[in-house]
Amino acid sequence: MDHSDSAHQRRGALLAAFACTLVGASFTANSVLSDFPHAGGQAIRYALASLMLFPLVGRPGLAPLRTLGWRGWGWLAGLAGVGMVGFNLAVLAAERTSEPAVPGVFVGCAPVVIAVIVPALDGRRPARAVLCGALLVAAGAFTVQGWGRADLPGIAWSVAALGGEVVFALAALPVLRTVGPVLLSAAASAVAAVEALVLAVLMDGRGWLRMPDAGEGAALLWQTLVVTVIGFVCWYRGMQRIGPERATLFSGLIPVAAAITAPAVGAGGYGPAQAAGSLLVGTGVAVGSGAFGQRLRGRRRERVVASGAPGVAADARAPAPARRGTARGAGGAAAGPEPGPPGSPAKAPPAGRAPRAARSAPGDGAPSGAGPREG
């Protein structure tokens, strides 16, 4: 992995971590909206978010939506209905009969599910590091939140919330490749607003919406601007860079951020259990994202360079294209004298053939080719 690719991966990890931290901090805002019409509130939230996001795309940027076809719009409808509106309704329903920690624990298992499903869809085995990291993240989420009081309906709705979290990651993949993070967030928010409006009218009738008070208005504005507009775009940009398996690992930061911010509004405390769980989540993210492996490989490379072995230090510091160019000349012929057996003098090139100069690879001394495409 070269430096540009490493920086690309690091930016993706930071974006995913930032998005999940915003979502976790928004849990305190959700408690303010417990008495507000939920489906109607979601309809307003997503409608306002789409109105903010579409101008960022611009009219020329809307062209990819015409190429989605019925299948692409089906993925968008599933993403909005199950991963956005359905997820929020499932969490609310679970919290009516169980403590909030119960759906939080189930949603904390999303990294494990993603780590198994995504490789299976690609016809490969789960990466051992990602799976181990996902298990650590799930254990950390459980430690941070605890279990709490639960009943059968609460557990069933919590499982539904877990399904919504998984769909939120997986259903975006086919569309993300075509439309990009910003347009995806704008289109999904618009579809979610329509779906939430239909549910609101069916569930609450004429009372599907009312004027929010100051606290409810601030909470809706936070969900709209911070969580949806900023958080969604950062999440999908991060997932575009590092993939859903590693991006979902950072969802373990959601309960950690919620536990850290809860004391600010008197909704909980941050004690030894939360600190231990946060440490588990951080370890799981580091293991699953490959941070430990990259550090070990970097140290091993430094030891090889510092060992001073003949021909190793200089070769390790040289770019890969340069090593290939200096090892062989044009046509694959040896560029210099041919080595003989150990202790014997080097053989000269065949008579009548002058030694060919080593052909420099294109871009020697500078990064060759373009780096990873930005989202």
Foldseek 3Di string as FASTA:
>chain_A
DDPLLVVLLVLLQVLLLLLLLLLLLLVVLVVVCLPFLVLLLLLVLLVVLLVVLVVVCPPVLCVLVVVCPPVNVVLLLCLLVQQPSVLVVLLSQLVVAWPSLALQLLLLLLLLVCQQPVQVVVVHGRDPLLNQLSVLLSVLSCLQRPHGDGDDSSNVSSNSNNVSNNSNQPSCVVVCVRNNQRVSLSSSSNSNSVVSVVVLCVPPNPSSHDDDDPSNVVSSVSCRVPNRNSSSSSLSQSCVSQNSSLSSLSNSCSSLSNQVNCVVVPNHHCDPSSVVSVVSSVVSSCRSSCVVVVVVVVVVLVCQLVVPDVPGNVVSPFDPQQVVQQQAAPPRHGQAFDCDPPPDDTHHPDPPDDRDDRDHDPQGVHDPDDRDDRD
